[in-house]
Amino acid sequence: MGDIRNQLDSQKQVNNKPSSDQKYKSSNSLTRLQSATDTRPNKSKTFAFGKNKRPERQRSASTESIPKQSHDSDEPPVPLFGTFSKHAAEGTGMKARRLSTSLPDEFNVDYCELDTEFKRASLLPGKRGKRLGVGATAEVRIMQKKGYSEDLVAVKEYRLRDRTENEDEYLKKIKSEFSIAKALNHPNIVTTVRLCTHGKPARWNHVMEFCNHGELYALVERGLFKTHYSQGDRLCFFKQICRAVDYLHSHGIAHRDIKLENILMDKNGGLKLSDFGVSEVFCGEHPGLRASGGQCGKNMGEVRLCHPGLCGSLPYVSPEVLRKDVEYDPRLLDVWSTAIVFVTMTFGGSPWQSATEVDQYYVRFEAGWEAWLKEHPDGIIRNVLDSSPLVGPLFRRIEPPTMRKTILQMLHPDPSKRITMKEVVSSGFFLGLDCCTPESYENPNWGMNAAERGASRMAQLATRQIVKKHHHIPPKEVGKFSKGITHRFDMGDGT
């Protein structure tokens, strides 16, 4: 993958080009604008949905040309892109994040030979170990737990050690990711099952819950948020994602790469946050420490900031991280990324390619905030209908208004004034949203809104059986075999 600096330089060249009626094409974007004739040399054919076979997704779209649009356009300014993670440049990025902050010399991680507990499985006769997808550093296949004919699992097979890294660094990277994922226990986080090895030379495998409806990315790509999912569905999805992120933060973990590709849908239509390859233990003991007992959130204390450096996937990264000039709170990066997920999911495209001064759409967004802050120096949005930043037509279309207010609070350019995830999930608006999944595995009052939680105990128990108000399971694609069965993962080193 190209260096992110080259990607930003390429984007700057694009934004400096004069606007014209010609539509710039994107050779690896997944949501295509209308095809148009392009006379520029050395460019591949433009694809439009329903007319030509789409090319395979590429790793990043950060070097893509941005179609010029009028300021009144209702369409998202940037097409939907498949994005891959960038590791940080130093501190909690290079060695410290490729591993993690304060990693022990010896991890307390148990593992086994893959074939002793799992066997090849297939969704089609004659197939063995159907491949779900390939990421930058791993391949994922379906397998089956021995003795349990219906229990399918997703097996993430890591790449072999790169010649530029030593064996100790490579193993710590794998065991750090696994120990963090294994310690998590939440309805909206993918369940980790086992760490295994197989073959010669030994290949490491991360066995996890199989989410058979695949990535949220694929559902957005299919246009289901325009044709199938309602506002209630979108708000329910938002609540599920925020609950997962709040759980992470309350247990000292920051994900640092929240994006559509890392959110999966299970067989019941519930969302699951996945891929902890660049996650950070910002508070408390690392779950790999023997003293933690394999749990996260132990000995919570001072928050450890991340050193300057890039981390995450470019369209979802917050401006303070992209500037690379100050230490940053990884929780506020997660808050920003979650808001971008909602906007991208809702409108089928990113609001910008990167939250930097070289991106004309982000510049307009930031200018709207700056103008508003001159009149509201405290930075608090009190009434979104009468007084909120004018940051572009896309954001004005977010409904209901209370949701628009929440998204703007999550996208405050100043991280010191950005709302926290705890504040998001504690707001009256959020508590009143209908949700189809449990709040936690410990809370019996799952799925209930604020009014229902005020009912009697017997009424609560009765309500639990009928609380599911949405049908999130996507319709099958005609003539295709489960295109949504796709998982892609990174180990966070961006290769």
Protein backbone atom coordinates (compact mmCIF):
# COMPACT_ATOMS: atom_id res chain seq x y z
CA MET A 1 0.00 0.00 0.00
CA GLY A 2 1.31 3.41 -0.89
CA ASP A 3 2.52 5.77 1.78
CA ILE A 4 -0.27 7.88 3.20
CA ARG A 5 1.69 11.03 2.50
CA ASN A 6 1.68 10.21 -1.20
CA GLN A 7 -2.05 9.62 -0.98
CA LEU A 8 -2.63 13.05 0.56
CA ASP A 9 -0.35 14.69 -2.04
CA SER A 10 -2.34 13.00 -4.79
CA GLN A 11 -5.57 14.22 -3.25
CA LYS A 12 -4.19 17.76 -3.05
CA GLN A 13 -3.41 17.70 -6.77
CA VAL A 14 -6.99 16.60 -7.47
CA ASN A 15 -8.52 19.34 -5.34
CA ASN A 16 -6.39 21.96 -7.08
CA LYS A 17 -7.75 21.02 -10.51
CA PRO A 18 -10.34 23.38 -11.98
CA SER A 19 -13.95 22.24 -11.81
CA SER A 20 -15.65 21.18 -15.01
CA ASP A 21 -18.71 19.32 -16.22
CA GLN A 22 -16.61 16.25 -16.81
CA LYS A 23 -17.22 13.56 -14.21
CA TYR A 24 -13.99 12.17 -12.82
CA LYS A 25 -14.01 8.43 -12.64
CA SER A 26 -12.72 6.19 -9.89
CA SER A 27 -11.04 2.95 -10.88
CA ASN A 28 -11.50 1.34 -7.49
CA SER A 29 -14.51 3.05 -5.95
CA LEU A 30 -17.43 0.86 -5.11
CA THR A 31 -20.21 3.37 -5.40
CA ARG A 32 -19.95 4.73 -8.92
CA LEU A 33 -21.16 8.00 -10.21
CA GLN A 34 -22.65 8.05 -13.69
CA SER A 35 -20.18 6.95 -16.37
CA ALA A 36 -18.80 9.64 -18.60
CA THR A 37 -16.31 9.85 -21.41
CA ASP A 38 -12.81 10.61 -20.18
CA THR A 39 -10.11 11.53 -22.64
CA ARG A 40 -7.26 11.46 -20.15
CA PRO A 41 -4.64 8.82 -21.01
CA ASN A 42 -3.85 5.66 -19.05
CA LYS A 43 -7.21 5.47 -17.31
CA SER A 44 -9.29 2.37 -16.96
CA LYS A 45 -12.91 2.07 -17.99
CA THR A 46 -15.51 3.58 -15.70
CA PHE A 47 -18.08 1.21 -14.21
CA ALA A 48 -21.67 1.98 -13.28
CA PHE A 49 -23.85 -0.36 -11.22
CA GLY A 50 -26.09 -2.59 -13.31
CA LYS A 51 -24.20 -2.05 -16.58
CA ASN A 52 -20.78 -3.62 -16.29
CA LYS A 53 -19.08 -6.07 -14.03
CA ARG A 54 -17.54 -4.27 -11.11
CA PRO A 55 -13.81 -4.54 -10.58
CA GLU A 56 -12.53 -6.02 -7.35
CA ARG A 57 -12.23 -3.75 -4.34
CA GLN A 58 -8.82 -2.24 -3.91
CA ARG A 59 -7.13 -1.52 -0.63
CA SER A 60 -7.59 2.20 -0.48
CA ALA A 61 -9.33 4.93 -2.33
CA SER A 62 -7.41 7.79 -0.85
CA THR A 63 -5.74 8.53 -4.18
CA GLU A 64 -9.02 8.69 -6.09
CA SER A 65 -10.25 11.70 -8.02
CA ILE A 66 -13.09 13.55 -6.37
CA PRO A 67 -16.07 14.45 -8.56
CA LYS A 68 -16.72 18.16 -8.47
CA GLN A 69 -20.20 18.98 -7.26
CA SER A 70 -22.23 22.06 -6.58
CA HIS A 71 -22.59 23.20 -3.00
CA ASP A 72 -26.28 22.39 -3.15
CA SER A 73 -25.85 18.78 -4.21
CA ASP A 74 -27.73 16.26 -2.09
CA GLU A 75 -25.34 13.48 -3.01
CA PRO A 76 -22.38 12.52 -0.81
CA PRO A 77 -19.26 14.30 -2.12
CA VAL A 78 -17.06 11.20 -2.10
CA PRO A 79 -18.03 7.75 -3.45
CA LEU A 80 -18.08 4.74 -1.16
CA PHE A 81 -14.61 3.30 -0.81
CA GLY A 82 -13.07 0.11 0.52
CA THR A 83 -10.43 1.27 2.98
CA PHE A 84 -7.59 -0.43 4.74
CA SER A 85 -5.85 0.46 7.96
CA LYS A 86 -2.80 2.63 8.36
CA HIS A 87 -0.51 1.95 11.28
CA ALA A 88 0.79 4.83 13.36
CA ALA A 89 4.20 6.25 12.57
CA GLU A 90 5.68 6.19 16.05
CA GLY A 91 4.92 5.70 19.71
CA THR A 92 1.69 3.78 19.92
CA GLY A 93 2.03 3.31 16.20
CA MET A 94 5.22 1.68 15.09
CA LYS A 95 6.54 -0.76 17.67
CA ALA A 96 4.33 0.30 20.57
CA ARG A 97 1.09 0.01 18.58
CA ARG A 98 2.09 -2.68 16.23
CA LEU A 99 2.22 -4.36 19.58
CA SER A 100 0.55 -2.09 22.14
CA THR A 101 1.42 0.23 25.01
CA SER A 102 3.24 -1.42 27.95
CA LEU A 103 3.18 -4.93 26.54
CA PRO A 104 4.61 -7.70 28.70
CA ASP A 105 7.59 -9.73 27.54
CA GLU A 106 5.55 -12.89 27.91
CA PHE A 107 1.86 -13.10 27.02
CA ASN A 108 -0.46 -15.37 28.94
CA VAL A 109 -2.12 -16.72 25.78
CA ASP A 110 -3.26 -20.30 25.28
CA TYR A 111 -3.34 -21.80 21.78
CA CYS A 112 -3.76 -25.16 20.06
CA GLU A 113 -3.31 -26.89 16.71
CA LEU A 114 -6.17 -25.85 14.43
CA ASP A 115 -7.03 -29.37 13.28
CA THR A 116 -7.44 -30.69 16.81
CA GLU A 117 -10.58 -28.63 17.46
CA PHE A 118 -11.83 -27.50 14.05
CA LYS A 119 -12.49 -29.03 10.65
CA ARG A 120 -13.09 -27.78 7.15
CA ALA A 121 -16.64 -26.69 6.43
CA SER A 122 -18.54 -25.51 3.40
CA LEU A 123 -21.78 -23.83 2.55
CA LEU A 124 -21.83 -25.59 -0.81
CA PRO A 125 -21.48 -29.32 -1.59
CA GLY A 126 -18.03 -30.24 -2.77
CA LYS A 127 -16.39 -27.16 -1.31
CA ARG A 128 -13.91 -27.25 1.56
CA GLY A 129 -13.20 -24.23 3.72
CA LYS A 130 -14.89 -21.55 1.62
CA ARG A 131 -12.80 -18.39 1.59
CA LEU A 132 -14.70 -15.41 2.95
CA GLY A 133 -12.23 -12.75 1.99
CA VAL A 134 -8.66 -11.52 1.98
CA GLY A 135 -7.38 -8.50 3.85
CA ALA A 136 -4.09 -6.66 3.78
CA THR A 137 -2.49 -9.14 6.16
CA ALA A 138 -4.88 -12.06 6.60
CA GLU A 139 -7.18 -14.48 4.84
CA VAL A 140 -10.49 -15.63 6.33
CA ARG A 141 -12.24 -18.95 5.75
CA ILE A 142 -15.24 -20.79 7.15
CA MET A 143 -14.58 -23.80 9.38
CA GLN A 144 -16.57 -25.91 11.79
CA LYS A 145 -16.06 -26.85 15.40
CA LYS A 146 -15.61 -30.59 15.75
CA GLY A 147 -18.59 -32.30 17.34
CA TYR A 148 -20.93 -29.38 16.61
CA SER A 149 -22.34 -29.78 13.12
CA GLU A 150 -24.10 -26.39 13.04
CA ASP A 151 -21.41 -24.27 14.67
CA LEU A 152 -19.60 -22.43 11.88
CA VAL A 153 -16.66 -20.19 12.73
CA ALA A 154 -14.60 -17.71 10.77
CA VAL A 155 -10.89 -18.51 10.79
CA LYS A 156 -8.55 -15.59 10.18
CA GLU A 157 -5.23 -16.92 8.94
CA TYR A 158 -2.44 -14.42 9.43
CA ARG A 159 0.23 -13.88 6.85
CA LEU A 160 3.69 -15.29 7.46
CA ARG A 161 6.22 -13.13 9.24
CA ASP A 162 7.65 -10.41 7.07
CA ARG A 163 11.42 -10.38 6.61
CA THR A 164 11.54 -6.83 8.04
CA GLU A 165 10.22 -7.89 11.46
CA ASN A 166 11.72 -10.24 14.00
CA GLU A 167 9.93 -13.26 15.38
CA ASP A 168 9.32 -11.67 18.79
CA GLU A 169 7.65 -8.60 17.30
CA TYR A 170 5.51 -10.73 14.99
CA LEU A 171 4.26 -13.01 17.78
CA LYS A 172 3.55 -10.15 20.14
CA LYS A 173 1.49 -8.45 17.45
CA ILE A 174 -0.67 -11.53 16.98
CA LYS A 175 -1.02 -12.33 20.67
CA SER A 176 -1.80 -8.72 21.57
CA GLU A 177 -4.70 -8.56 19.11
CA PHE A 178 -6.00 -11.95 20.19
CA SER A 179 -5.80 -11.28 23.93
CA ILE A 180 -7.67 -7.99 23.55
CA ALA A 181 -10.40 -9.54 21.39
CA LYS A 182 -10.72 -12.59 23.65
CA ALA A 183 -11.25 -10.41 26.73
CA LEU A 184 -14.27 -8.63 25.24
CA ASN A 185 -17.79 -9.81 26.01
CA HIS A 186 -20.56 -7.73 24.47
CA PRO A 187 -23.57 -8.46 22.21
CA ASN A 188 -22.28 -6.04 19.56
CA ILE A 189 -18.68 -7.27 19.44
CA VAL A 190 -17.61 -10.35 17.51
CA THR A 191 -16.89 -13.23 19.88
CA THR A 192 -13.34 -14.57 19.76
CA VAL A 193 -13.07 -18.35 20.13
CA ARG A 194 -9.47 -19.57 19.90
CA LEU A 195 -5.91 -18.90 18.82
CA CYS A 196 -4.49 -21.76 16.75
CA THR A 197 -1.56 -22.74 14.57
CA HIS A 198 -1.31 -25.11 11.62
CA GLY A 199 1.01 -26.18 8.85
CA LYS A 200 4.75 -25.95 8.27
CA PRO A 201 5.98 -23.31 8.60
CA ALA A 202 3.38 -22.65 11.29
CA ARG A 203 0.59 -20.25 10.35
CA TRP A 204 -1.30 -18.49 13.13
CA ASN A 205 -5.11 -18.48 13.08
CA HIS A 206 -7.63 -16.36 14.97
CA VAL A 207 -10.91 -18.31 15.28
CA MET A 208 -14.00 -16.19 15.83
CA GLU A 209 -17.75 -16.01 15.53
CA PHE A 210 -19.04 -16.33 11.97
CA CYS A 211 -21.34 -13.46 10.92
CA ASN A 212 -23.05 -14.83 7.85
CA HIS A 213 -24.45 -11.54 6.50
CA GLY A 214 -20.96 -10.07 6.21
CA GLU A 215 -19.76 -6.49 6.30
CA LEU A 216 -21.96 -3.45 6.71
CA TYR A 217 -19.93 -2.13 3.79
CA ALA A 218 -21.48 -4.71 1.44
CA LEU A 219 -24.99 -3.72 2.51
CA VAL A 220 -24.27 -0.05 1.85
CA GLU A 221 -22.68 -0.95 -1.48
CA ARG A 222 -25.87 -2.77 -2.50
CA GLY A 223 -27.87 0.41 -1.90
CA LEU A 224 -29.99 -1.16 0.83
CA PHE A 225 -29.96 2.01 2.92
CA LYS A 226 -31.82 3.73 0.10
CA THR A 227 -34.19 0.91 -0.85
CA HIS A 228 -34.61 -1.39 2.16
CA TYR A 229 -33.57 0.06 5.51
CA SER A 230 -35.69 2.73 7.18
CA GLN A 231 -34.71 5.58 9.46
CA GLY A 232 -35.58 3.33 12.39
CA ASP A 233 -33.15 0.70 11.09
CA ARG A 234 -30.35 3.24 10.77
CA LEU A 235 -30.90 4.60 14.27
CA CYS A 236 -30.98 1.06 15.66
CA PHE A 237 -27.67 0.31 13.90
CA PHE A 238 -26.20 3.51 15.30
CA LYS A 239 -27.25 2.55 18.81
CA GLN A 240 -25.70 -0.90 18.48
CA ILE A 241 -22.37 0.49 17.28
CA CYS A 242 -22.25 3.16 19.99
CA ARG A 243 -22.99 0.58 22.69
CA ALA A 244 -20.07 -1.52 21.49
CA VAL A 245 -17.70 1.47 21.46
CA ASP A 246 -18.87 2.65 24.89
CA TYR A 247 -18.24 -0.85 26.25
CA LEU A 248 -14.69 -0.77 24.85
CA HIS A 249 -13.95 2.65 26.32
CA SER A 250 -15.34 1.74 29.73
CA HIS A 251 -12.93 -1.22 29.75
CA GLY A 252 -9.83 0.74 28.73
CA ILE A 253 -9.81 -0.25 25.03
CA ALA A 254 -9.91 2.01 21.98
CA HIS A 255 -10.60 0.36 18.62
CA ARG A 256 -8.93 3.02 16.42
CA ASP A 257 -10.17 1.61 13.11
CA ILE A 258 -13.96 1.84 13.16
CA LYS A 259 -15.30 1.69 9.61
CA LEU A 260 -18.01 -0.05 7.59
CA GLU A 261 -15.68 -2.95 6.75
CA ASN A 262 -15.11 -3.71 10.43
CA ILE A 263 -18.81 -3.94 11.31
CA LEU A 264 -20.42 -7.31 10.56
CA MET A 265 -24.02 -8.52 10.62
CA ASP A 266 -24.88 -11.82 12.31
CA LYS A 267 -27.60 -14.30 11.40
CA ASN A 268 -30.18 -12.42 13.49
CA GLY A 269 -29.50 -9.05 11.89
CA GLY A 270 -27.44 -7.69 14.79
CA LEU A 271 -24.26 -5.71 14.22
CA LYS A 272 -20.87 -6.81 15.55
CA LEU A 273 -17.71 -4.72 15.77
CA SER A 274 -14.68 -6.71 14.64
CA ASP A 275 -10.93 -6.55 13.93
CA PHE A 276 -8.83 -5.30 16.83
CA GLY A 277 -5.57 -5.26 14.88
CA VAL A 278 -4.80 -1.62 15.73
CA SER A 279 -6.72 -1.36 19.00
CA GLU A 280 -5.06 0.27 21.98
CA VAL A 281 -5.13 -0.43 25.70
CA PHE A 282 -5.24 3.20 26.84
CA CYS A 283 -6.09 2.51 30.47
CA GLY A 284 -5.65 -0.37 32.89
CA GLU A 285 -3.78 -3.63 32.43
CA HIS A 286 -3.30 -5.23 29.06
CA PRO A 287 -5.51 -8.37 28.90
CA GLY A 288 -2.44 -10.38 27.91
CA LEU A 289 -0.88 -9.83 31.32
CA ARG A 290 -1.21 -12.72 33.72
CA ALA A 291 -2.26 -10.26 36.43
CA SER A 292 -5.33 -9.27 34.41
CA GLY A 293 -6.73 -12.79 34.47
CA GLY A 294 -7.48 -12.45 30.76
CA GLN A 295 -9.90 -9.58 31.37
CA CYS A 296 -9.91 -5.99 30.17
CA GLY A 297 -10.66 -3.07 32.45
CA LYS A 298 -8.45 -4.25 35.32
CA ASN A 299 -6.68 -1.63 37.46
CA MET A 300 -8.16 1.28 35.55
CA GLY A 301 -6.43 4.57 36.23
CA GLU A 302 -4.90 7.39 34.21
CA VAL A 303 -5.66 7.59 30.49
CA ARG A 304 -2.58 7.06 28.35
CA LEU A 305 -2.58 9.27 25.26
CA CYS A 306 -1.33 7.99 21.91
CA HIS A 307 1.80 9.54 20.45
CA PRO A 308 1.46 11.46 17.17
CA GLY A 309 1.10 9.22 14.16
CA LEU A 310 -1.46 7.95 11.69
CA CYS A 311 -3.76 5.14 12.64
CA GLY A 312 -7.00 3.90 11.11
CA SER A 313 -8.51 4.27 7.61
CA LEU A 314 -8.19 7.63 5.93
CA PRO A 315 -11.84 8.75 5.41
CA TYR A 316 -12.66 7.85 9.03
CA VAL A 317 -9.66 9.41 10.79
CA SER A 318 -10.17 12.53 12.92
CA PRO A 319 -8.32 15.78 12.08
CA GLU A 320 -6.13 15.84 15.19
CA VAL A 321 -4.76 12.39 14.32
CA LEU A 322 -4.13 13.36 10.69
CA ARG A 323 -2.17 16.44 11.77
CA LYS A 324 0.39 14.19 13.52
CA ASP A 325 1.58 17.06 15.72
CA VAL A 326 0.12 16.28 19.15
CA GLU A 327 -0.65 13.32 21.37
CA TYR A 328 -4.29 12.33 21.05
CA ASP A 329 -6.99 10.61 23.05
CA PRO A 330 -7.87 7.44 21.08
CA ARG A 331 -11.43 7.47 22.46
CA LEU A 332 -12.16 10.71 20.60
CA LEU A 333 -10.84 9.15 17.39
CA ASP A 334 -13.41 6.37 17.88
CA VAL A 335 -16.19 8.89 18.44
CA TRP A 336 -15.31 10.71 15.21
CA SER A 337 -15.09 7.45 13.22
CA THR A 338 -18.46 6.25 14.52
CA ALA A 339 -20.11 9.45 13.28
CA ILE A 340 -18.48 9.04 9.86
CA VAL A 341 -19.81 5.47 9.74
CA PHE A 342 -23.35 6.76 10.29
CA VAL A 343 -23.05 9.46 7.62
CA THR A 344 -21.49 7.06 5.09
CA MET A 345 -24.06 4.37 5.87
CA THR A 346 -26.95 6.81 5.52
CA PHE A 347 -25.92 8.50 2.28
CA GLY A 348 -23.88 5.76 0.62
CA GLY A 349 -20.64 7.74 0.48
CA SER A 350 -18.06 9.52 2.60
CA PRO A 351 -18.44 13.24 3.33
CA TRP A 352 -14.75 13.69 2.45
CA GLN A 353 -11.63 11.70 1.65
CA SER A 354 -9.66 13.06 4.58
CA ALA A 355 -10.26 15.61 7.32
CA THR A 356 -7.40 17.83 6.15
CA GLU A 357 -6.90 21.24 4.61
CA VAL A 358 -6.27 19.65 1.20
CA ASP A 359 -9.82 18.29 1.02
CA GLN A 360 -12.26 20.93 -0.26
CA TYR A 361 -15.26 19.24 1.35
CA TYR A 362 -13.68 19.09 4.78
CA VAL A 363 -12.45 22.69 4.40
CA ARG A 364 -16.06 23.77 3.87
CA PHE A 365 -17.14 21.71 6.89
CA GLU A 366 -14.47 23.27 9.10
CA ALA A 367 -15.23 26.77 7.85
CA GLY A 368 -18.86 26.29 8.88
CA TRP A 369 -17.74 25.37 12.36
CA GLU A 370 -15.36 28.32 12.62
CA ALA A 371 -18.06 30.80 11.62
CA TRP A 372 -20.49 29.30 14.11
CA LEU A 373 -17.92 29.26 16.95
CA LYS A 374 -17.40 33.01 16.62
CA GLU A 375 -21.02 33.44 17.71
CA HIS A 376 -20.99 30.46 20.11
CA PRO A 377 -17.51 30.37 21.69
CA ASP A 378 -18.50 27.70 24.21
CA GLY A 379 -19.02 25.29 21.30
CA ILE A 380 -22.25 23.88 22.71
CA ILE A 381 -25.10 23.12 20.29
CA ARG A 382 -28.27 23.83 22.22
CA ASN A 383 -30.92 23.98 19.52
CA VAL A 384 -30.04 22.33 16.23
CA LEU A 385 -33.00 23.88 14.39
CA ASP A 386 -32.21 27.48 15.29
CA SER A 387 -28.49 27.47 15.97
CA SER A 388 -26.04 24.91 14.67
CA PRO A 389 -23.00 25.04 12.38
CA LEU A 390 -23.81 25.34 8.67
CA VAL A 391 -21.37 22.73 7.42
CA GLY A 392 -22.94 21.62 4.15
CA PRO A 393 -26.20 20.32 2.67
CA LEU A 394 -25.39 16.68 3.40
CA PHE A 395 -25.49 17.24 7.15
CA ARG A 396 -28.70 19.24 6.94
CA ARG A 397 -30.39 16.11 5.58
CA ILE A 398 -29.67 14.05 8.69
CA GLU A 399 -32.92 13.24 10.47
CA PRO A 400 -34.30 13.55 13.06
CA PRO A 401 -32.85 16.92 14.16
CA THR A 402 -31.68 15.43 17.46
CA MET A 403 -29.64 12.91 15.50
CA ARG A 404 -28.15 15.75 13.45
CA LYS A 405 -27.16 17.46 16.68
CA THR A 406 -25.52 14.29 17.99
CA ILE A 407 -23.54 13.73 14.79
CA LEU A 408 -22.30 17.34 14.77
CA GLN A 409 -21.25 17.01 18.42
CA MET A 410 -19.34 13.83 17.53
CA LEU A 411 -17.65 15.64 14.62
CA HIS A 412 -16.50 18.73 16.50
CA PRO A 413 -13.13 19.63 14.91
CA ASP A 414 -11.77 20.52 18.35
CA PRO A 415 -11.32 17.22 20.22
CA SER A 416 -11.44 18.97 23.59
CA LYS A 417 -15.04 19.98 22.80
CA ARG A 418 -16.07 16.77 21.06
CA ILE A 419 -18.73 14.77 22.86
CA THR A 420 -17.56 11.50 24.47
CA MET A 421 -19.16 8.16 23.76
CA LYS A 422 -20.34 7.97 27.35
CA GLU A 423 -22.16 11.27 26.85
CA VAL A 424 -23.70 9.98 23.62
CA VAL A 425 -25.11 6.80 25.17
CA SER A 426 -26.32 8.67 28.26
CA SER A 427 -28.34 11.27 26.37
CA GLY A 428 -32.13 11.19 26.50
CA PHE A 429 -32.32 10.97 22.71
CA PHE A 430 -30.08 7.90 22.62
CA LEU A 431 -31.85 6.14 25.49
CA GLY A 432 -35.16 6.58 23.75
CA LEU A 433 -34.06 4.86 20.53
CA ASP A 434 -35.55 1.44 19.84
CA CYS A 435 -32.88 -1.23 19.60
CA CYS A 436 -33.04 -4.90 18.64
CA THR A 437 -30.06 -6.24 20.56
CA PRO A 438 -29.22 -6.56 24.26
CA GLU A 439 -27.53 -3.63 25.94
CA SER A 440 -25.13 -6.12 27.49
CA TYR A 441 -24.93 -9.78 28.37
CA GLU A 442 -25.38 -8.87 32.02
CA ASN A 443 -28.41 -6.54 31.75
CA PRO A 444 -31.70 -8.48 31.53
CA ASN A 445 -33.64 -5.40 30.35
CA TRP A 446 -32.18 -5.61 26.88
CA GLY A 447 -33.68 -3.79 23.96
CA MET A 448 -35.93 -1.58 26.09
CA ASN A 449 -36.23 2.13 25.65
CA ALA A 450 -36.39 4.57 28.56
CA ALA A 451 -40.15 4.27 29.02
CA GLU A 452 -40.05 0.49 29.09
CA ARG A 453 -37.29 0.47 31.70
CA GLY A 454 -39.62 2.35 34.01
CA ALA A 455 -42.21 -0.43 33.92
CA SER A 456 -42.57 -3.12 36.55
CA ARG A 457 -40.29 -6.14 36.63
CA MET A 458 -43.00 -8.47 35.28
CA ALA A 459 -43.82 -6.05 32.49
CA GLN A 460 -40.13 -5.85 31.59
CA LEU A 461 -39.82 -9.60 31.34
CA ALA A 462 -42.90 -9.79 29.14
CA THR A 463 -41.65 -6.98 26.92
CA ARG A 464 -38.33 -8.75 26.30
CA GLN A 465 -40.06 -11.21 24.01
CA ILE A 466 -41.60 -8.62 21.68
CA VAL A 467 -39.12 -5.75 21.77
CA LYS A 468 -37.56 -6.50 18.36
CA LYS A 469 -39.16 -3.86 16.16
CA HIS A 470 -36.97 -4.02 13.06
CA HIS A 471 -36.15 -6.61 10.44
CA HIS A 472 -32.48 -6.02 9.70
CA ILE A 473 -31.74 -9.21 7.77
CA PRO A 474 -30.96 -8.10 4.21
CA PRO A 475 -32.86 -9.47 1.21
CA LYS A 476 -31.03 -12.06 -0.85
CA GLU A 477 -29.40 -10.93 -4.04
CA VAL A 478 -31.18 -12.53 -6.98
CA GLY A 479 -29.00 -15.00 -8.85
CA LYS A 480 -26.06 -14.59 -6.50
CA PHE A 481 -24.66 -16.67 -3.68
CA SER A 482 -24.44 -14.58 -0.53
CA LYS A 483 -22.26 -11.77 -1.72
CA GLY A 484 -22.47 -10.42 1.82
CA ILE A 485 -20.37 -13.31 3.14
CA THR A 486 -17.23 -11.24 3.28
CA HIS A 487 -14.73 -10.56 6.02
CA ARG A 488 -11.49 -8.64 5.68
CA PHE A 489 -9.03 -7.97 8.44
CA ASP A 490 -5.80 -6.13 8.99
CA MET A 491 -3.11 -6.62 11.58
CA GLY A 492 -2.60 -2.89 11.53
CA ASP A 493 0.76 -2.68 9.81
CA GLY A 494 -0.72 -1.39 6.57
CA THR A 495 1.11 -3.84 4.30
